[in-house]
Amino acid sequence: MTYNSNTGSEGMEEEEVDDDDDFFIDSSSSQHRRTPSDGSISTRGSNPPVHNPVSPVRDTSARSRKIAEAYGSNEVRSSSTVSNESTNRRSRLPLGTQDSFIDDENEFLSEESKANETNPNAEIDGTSGIDGEAHLESFLSSMKSTQSNIFVQLQSLNHLISIYSFATACDLTGMEDQLTSTIDCTVSCMAAHPHDADICMLGCQMLRIISTSGLVTQGPPVVNTEACGLLILLDAVEAVVTALTSVTGKQSTSFQLTSDALRVLKNILRSHRTAKDKIINAANFSGMERIVGGMLEHSGSASIQEDGCILIWSLCFNDSSNQIGVDRCNGIMAIILAMMGHSDVAAVQENACGALHTMSFNQSIKTTIVDNGGVQCCVQAMQNHPTKRLLLERACTALISLVMN
């Protein structure tokens, strides 16, 4: 991805989200920095942990087994698990509405069973338990017509995730026309149920999948610039930032949601620089606060700390007002805690040094960084990773800025 001062967002390229992806900084800015001889600055180091997606409903299909194998998980949601989830949700509904919930649930499961009968080879091929292109429209229609029904929304999101996660390249081409509807239905579902942690979690996972164009079984994903543009237009940023506050008290759900939410925001920002204001202004101007809050809540996750540092660095680059906003919501402390808690993870150290360098151009924030151990963290990062050239460079530039008057 290239930040070009002349071309702006038009000069940004798709890039692989892997250990070698590049993050270019506009060389015309007044901030002190230098780029390596190859013109790139990597924002990622060691392989981040893989987050298990929500598995499809049926546990007897080859597709479910494939999902478990692909993500290194032995936990596949069985039909009994789904039944228990439905019972728990039903028990929370107001009296007088439970019968309607049961009717809608049975009707949806009946329609799903009929749909699967049209594809007798679904359980055999192991890759498309649902014929994606043929059934995508039916799931989208269900979401639109029963937006208030939580069960239908949850099951539809589950199936959409399965379809997009394991679609072939040919399938994705055939589903291009439905991409806008898929994003719109997902965002509308999240907006209609902003306090339902499960819907927000699945919604963020769906948007994260859409924001990349790589397939699980065909190498690392790459940022999908076109899809990220649609996410901006259809208010996905607002939905994702709002979702970050919907998971209080549900630690496992909170981790998955926060991880996917930060990844979506990072992908959008990397492909469209104009998204910076969208993220900052989302959810009543609380975008930065919620990013920092996610880092502090999940301080033990290296991948969340890495994505959070990248977002802070990008949002605050050459932007004094955003730098002040980060300082006010304890962003400096979040960066330093990330460095202290993940001293062995080069990717976290690398991007944290970049964030500290950017933040240090504000004199008062520079003092905060120094007083809270920022200099020592940069020195420690260099000592722990003496062979990481880009990390060493970013740590040096941060130290130069921190010690200069």
Foldseek 3Di string as FASTA:
>chain_A
DEQEPVCGLVPADWFFPFQPTFDADYPVDPFDADADPVRTFDLAHDGAQADQDQAAEDPQALLRVVSCVLNVHPDHHHNVNVVVVLVVVLVPDDPPCSVVLVVVLVVVVVVVVVQQVVPVCLRPVNQPSGLQLVCLVVLLVQLVVPLVRPSSLLNSLSNLLSSLQRPDPVSVVSCPVCLLSVLLSLLSSCVNCVQDLSSLLSSLSSLLSQQWNDHSVHDTTIGDLVSLVSCVVNLVLLSLQSNQPNQPPPVVSNLSSLLSSLSSVLSSCSSHVVCLVVQCPHPNRCNLLSLLVSLVVPVLRLSSLSSSLQNLLSSLAVNQVSLVVCVVSCVLVSLLSNLVNCLLGLSSLLSSLSNLSSSLVDPVVLVVCVVVCVLVSLVSSCVNCVPPVSSVSSSVSSNVSSPDD
